[in-house]
Amino acid sequence: MKRNWDLIREVLIRLDEKGPEKHALRAEDFDEERHHEVAYQVELLKEAGLVDGQIMKAASGPPDFLALRLTWEGHELLDAIRNDTVWKRTKESFLTKGLSMTFELVRSVAISIATEFLKSKISI
């Protein structure tokens, strides 16, 4: 399975919207047919130190997870890619150049695009 940047962004946004006062984000918060893919993306986010949580692998059936909160780095990435226009332009940048989307490059390109907007009179 590959990283799915749109799903990663969705998980980060949904976890941020839940906030610490609400329950953790779990596989059941997503459509059943997406449980495997969402669990995999959450596992990657946890490994990268972007999300605090727990992965529960089952002998059969899809794994479950508890995504408890975003870490500082998780918030930093989400803040860079939260805006829909910035996210769309970030993805387009990688597609047009034929580059792979790595964590550091995604964050860097998104920050660069947001900076362009801040310097221009164009609103996002």
C-alpha atoms as a PDB file:
ATOM      1  CA  MET A   1       0.000   0.000   0.000  1.00  0.00           C
ATOM      2  CA  LYS A   2       1.216   3.510  -0.779  1.00  0.00           C
ATOM      3  CA  ARG A   3       0.955   6.791   1.024  1.00  0.00           C
ATOM      4  CA  ASN A   4      -2.228   8.595   0.100  1.00  0.00           C
ATOM      5  CA  TRP A   5      -1.602  12.285   0.672  1.00  0.00           C
ATOM      6  CA  ASP A   6      -5.247  13.276   0.280  1.00  0.00           C
ATOM      7  CA  LEU A   7      -6.241  10.725   2.910  1.00  0.00           C
ATOM      8  CA  ILE A   8      -3.367  11.792   5.164  1.00  0.00           C
ATOM      9  CA  ARG A   9      -4.634  15.371   4.937  1.00  0.00           C
ATOM     10  CA  GLU A  10      -8.185  14.213   5.656  1.00  0.00           C
ATOM     11  CA  VAL A  11      -7.055  12.281   8.754  1.00  0.00           C
ATOM     12  CA  LEU A  12      -5.089  15.276  10.046  1.00  0.00           C
ATOM     13  CA  ILE A  13      -8.038  17.625   9.518  1.00  0.00           C
ATOM     14  CA  ARG A  14     -10.560  15.244  11.099  1.00  0.00           C
ATOM     15  CA  LEU A  15      -8.326  14.613  14.100  1.00  0.00           C
ATOM     16  CA  ASP A  16      -7.751  18.340  14.565  1.00  0.00           C
ATOM     17  CA  GLU A  17     -11.505  19.007  14.363  1.00  0.00           C
ATOM     18  CA  LYS A  18     -12.184  16.405  17.061  1.00  0.00           C
ATOM     19  CA  GLY A  19      -9.945  18.215  19.498  1.00  0.00           C
ATOM     20  CA  PRO A  20      -8.639  16.800  22.780  1.00  0.00           C
ATOM     21  CA  GLU A  21     -11.982  17.052  24.582  1.00  0.00           C
ATOM     22  CA  LYS A  22     -13.678  14.583  22.215  1.00  0.00           C
ATOM     23  CA  HIS A  23     -13.011  10.899  21.714  1.00  0.00           C
ATOM     24  CA  ALA A  24     -10.143   9.628  19.630  1.00  0.00           C
ATOM     25  CA  LEU A  25     -10.395   9.196  15.882  1.00  0.00           C
ATOM     26  CA  ARG A  26     -10.987   5.521  15.061  1.00  0.00           C
ATOM     27  CA  ALA A  27     -11.412   3.349  11.988  1.00  0.00           C
ATOM     28  CA  GLU A  28     -15.186   3.317  12.598  1.00  0.00           C
ATOM     29  CA  ASP A  29     -15.207   7.074  11.916  1.00  0.00           C
ATOM     30  CA  PHE A  30     -14.563   6.238   8.246  1.00  0.00           C
ATOM     31  CA  ASP A  31     -16.483   4.205   5.682  1.00  0.00           C
ATOM     32  CA  GLU A  32     -15.938   0.489   6.267  1.00  0.00           C
ATOM     33  CA  GLU A  33     -14.419  -0.122   2.838  1.00  0.00           C
ATOM     34  CA  ARG A  34     -11.668   2.399   3.698  1.00  0.00           C
ATOM     35  CA  HIS A  35     -10.669   0.937   7.104  1.00  0.00           C
ATOM     36  CA  HIS A  36      -7.513  -0.828   5.865  1.00  0.00           C
ATOM     37  CA  GLU A  37      -6.257   2.167   3.939  1.00  0.00           C
ATOM     38  CA  VAL A  38      -7.061   4.672   6.695  1.00  0.00           C
ATOM     39  CA  ALA A  39      -5.401   2.461   9.327  1.00  0.00           C
ATOM     40  CA  TYR A  40      -2.291   2.225   7.161  1.00  0.00           C
ATOM     41  CA  GLN A  41      -2.117   6.005   6.724  1.00  0.00           C
ATOM     42  CA  VAL A  42      -2.598   6.529  10.478  1.00  0.00           C
ATOM     43  CA  GLU A  43       0.193   4.034  11.142  1.00  0.00           C
ATOM     44  CA  LEU A  44       2.469   6.044   8.839  1.00  0.00           C
ATOM     45  CA  LEU A  45       1.478   9.274  10.605  1.00  0.00           C
ATOM     46  CA  LYS A  46       2.258   7.682  13.957  1.00  0.00           C
ATOM     47  CA  GLU A  47       5.638   6.389  12.721  1.00  0.00           C
ATOM     48  CA  ALA A  48       6.471   9.887  11.429  1.00  0.00           C
ATOM     49  CA  GLY A  49       5.661  11.395  14.817  1.00  0.00           C
ATOM     50  CA  LEU A  50       2.747  13.447  13.463  1.00  0.00           C
ATOM     51  CA  VAL A  51       0.029  11.703  15.474  1.00  0.00           C
ATOM     52  CA  ASP A  52      -0.096  10.221  18.952  1.00  0.00           C
ATOM     53  CA  GLY A  53      -2.135   7.056  19.056  1.00  0.00           C
ATOM     54  CA  GLN A  54      -2.239   3.314  18.922  1.00  0.00           C
ATOM     55  CA  ILE A  55      -2.621   0.739  16.158  1.00  0.00           C
ATOM     56  CA  MET A  56      -4.413  -2.506  17.015  1.00  0.00           C
ATOM     57  CA  LYS A  57      -3.748  -5.195  14.431  1.00  0.00           C
ATOM     58  CA  ALA A  58      -6.253  -8.016  14.280  1.00  0.00           C
ATOM     59  CA  ALA A  59      -5.562 -11.595  13.213  1.00  0.00           C
ATOM     60  CA  SER A  60      -8.440 -11.262  10.776  1.00  0.00           C
ATOM     61  CA  GLY A  61     -10.282  -8.241   9.543  1.00  0.00           C
ATOM     62  CA  PRO A  62      -9.089  -4.680   9.271  1.00  0.00           C
ATOM     63  CA  PRO A  63      -6.837  -3.180  11.920  1.00  0.00           C
ATOM     64  CA  ASP A  64      -8.269  -0.579  14.264  1.00  0.00           C
ATOM     65  CA  PHE A  65      -6.556   2.504  15.564  1.00  0.00           C
ATOM     66  CA  LEU A  66      -6.903   5.242  18.108  1.00  0.00           C
ATOM     67  CA  ALA A  67      -5.544   8.543  16.869  1.00  0.00           C
ATOM     68  CA  LEU A  68      -5.545  10.635  20.024  1.00  0.00           C
ATOM     69  CA  ARG A  69      -4.058  13.951  18.960  1.00  0.00           C
ATOM     70  CA  LEU A  70      -1.762  15.749  16.563  1.00  0.00           C
ATOM     71  CA  THR A  71       1.786  16.303  17.711  1.00  0.00           C
ATOM     72  CA  TRP A  72       3.566  19.628  17.212  1.00  0.00           C
ATOM     73  CA  GLU A  73       4.904  18.375  13.867  1.00  0.00           C
ATOM     74  CA  GLY A  74       1.429  17.146  12.920  1.00  0.00           C
ATOM     75  CA  HIS A  75       0.028  20.617  13.538  1.00  0.00           C
ATOM     76  CA  GLU A  76       2.877  22.161  11.549  1.00  0.00           C
ATOM     77  CA  LEU A  77       2.173  19.948   8.534  1.00  0.00           C
ATOM     78  CA  LEU A  78      -1.581  20.448   8.760  1.00  0.00           C
ATOM     79  CA  ASP A  79      -1.206  24.216   9.029  1.00  0.00           C
ATOM     80  CA  ALA A  80       0.899  24.135   5.860  1.00  0.00           C
ATOM     81  CA  ILE A  81      -1.626  22.062   3.843  1.00  0.00           C
ATOM     82  CA  ARG A  82      -5.004  22.878   5.430  1.00  0.00           C
ATOM     83  CA  ASN A  83      -6.076  25.555   2.937  1.00  0.00           C
ATOM     84  CA  ASP A  84      -7.762  23.946  -0.104  1.00  0.00           C
ATOM     85  CA  THR A  85      -6.129  26.297  -2.626  1.00  0.00           C
ATOM     86  CA  VAL A  86      -2.649  25.808  -1.179  1.00  0.00           C
ATOM     87  CA  TRP A  87      -3.199  22.031  -1.105  1.00  0.00           C
ATOM     88  CA  LYS A  88      -4.378  21.955  -4.724  1.00  0.00           C
ATOM     89  CA  ARG A  89      -1.403  24.029  -5.914  1.00  0.00           C
ATOM     90  CA  THR A  90       0.992  21.908  -3.847  1.00  0.00           C
ATOM     91  CA  LYS A  91      -0.226  18.695  -5.500  1.00  0.00           C
ATOM     92  CA  GLU A  92      -0.133  20.323  -8.944  1.00  0.00           C
ATOM     93  CA  SER A  93       3.491  21.334  -8.354  1.00  0.00           C
ATOM     94  CA  PHE A  94       4.486  17.715  -7.832  1.00  0.00           C
ATOM     95  CA  LEU A  95       2.431  16.431 -10.761  1.00  0.00           C
ATOM     96  CA  THR A  96       3.796  18.952 -13.247  1.00  0.00           C
ATOM     97  CA  LYS A  97       7.392  18.306 -12.188  1.00  0.00           C
ATOM     98  CA  GLY A  98       6.947  14.532 -11.954  1.00  0.00           C
ATOM     99  CA  LEU A  99       8.325  14.392  -8.410  1.00  0.00           C
ATOM    100  CA  SER A 100       7.373  12.112  -5.551  1.00  0.00           C
ATOM    101  CA  MET A 101       5.644  13.700  -2.580  1.00  0.00           C
ATOM    102  CA  THR A 102       7.884  13.323   0.452  1.00  0.00           C
ATOM    103  CA  PHE A 103       7.013  14.750   3.849  1.00  0.00           C
ATOM    104  CA  GLU A 104       9.704  17.430   3.811  1.00  0.00           C
ATOM    105  CA  LEU A 105       9.006  18.445   0.206  1.00  0.00           C
ATOM    106  CA  VAL A 106       5.229  18.598   0.709  1.00  0.00           C
ATOM    107  CA  ARG A 107       5.634  20.829   3.730  1.00  0.00           C
ATOM    108  CA  SER A 108       8.260  22.988   2.031  1.00  0.00           C
ATOM    109  CA  VAL A 109       6.268  23.443  -1.191  1.00  0.00           C
ATOM    110  CA  ALA A 110       3.046  24.208   0.712  1.00  0.00           C
ATOM    111  CA  ILE A 111       4.837  26.821   2.825  1.00  0.00           C
ATOM    112  CA  SER A 112       6.353  28.342  -0.311  1.00  0.00           C
ATOM    113  CA  ILE A 113       2.940  28.550  -1.996  1.00  0.00           C
ATOM    114  CA  ALA A 114       1.355  30.084   1.106  1.00  0.00           C
ATOM    115  CA  THR A 115       4.216  32.594   1.264  1.00  0.00           C
ATOM    116  CA  GLU A 116       3.514  33.567  -2.368  1.00  0.00           C
ATOM    117  CA  PHE A 117      -0.084  34.276  -1.430  1.00  0.00           C
ATOM    118  CA  LEU A 118       0.993  36.359   1.539  1.00  0.00           C
ATOM    119  CA  LYS A 119       3.314  38.450  -0.615  1.00  0.00           C
ATOM    120  CA  SER A 120       0.760  38.994  -3.363  1.00  0.00           C
ATOM    121  CA  LYS A 121      -2.548  40.752  -3.295  1.00  0.00           C
ATOM    122  CA  ILE A 122      -4.235  37.543  -4.459  1.00  0.00           C
ATOM    123  CA  SER A 123      -6.355  35.925  -1.800  1.00  0.00           C
ATOM    124  CA  ILE A 124      -6.686  32.195  -1.313  1.00  0.00           C
END
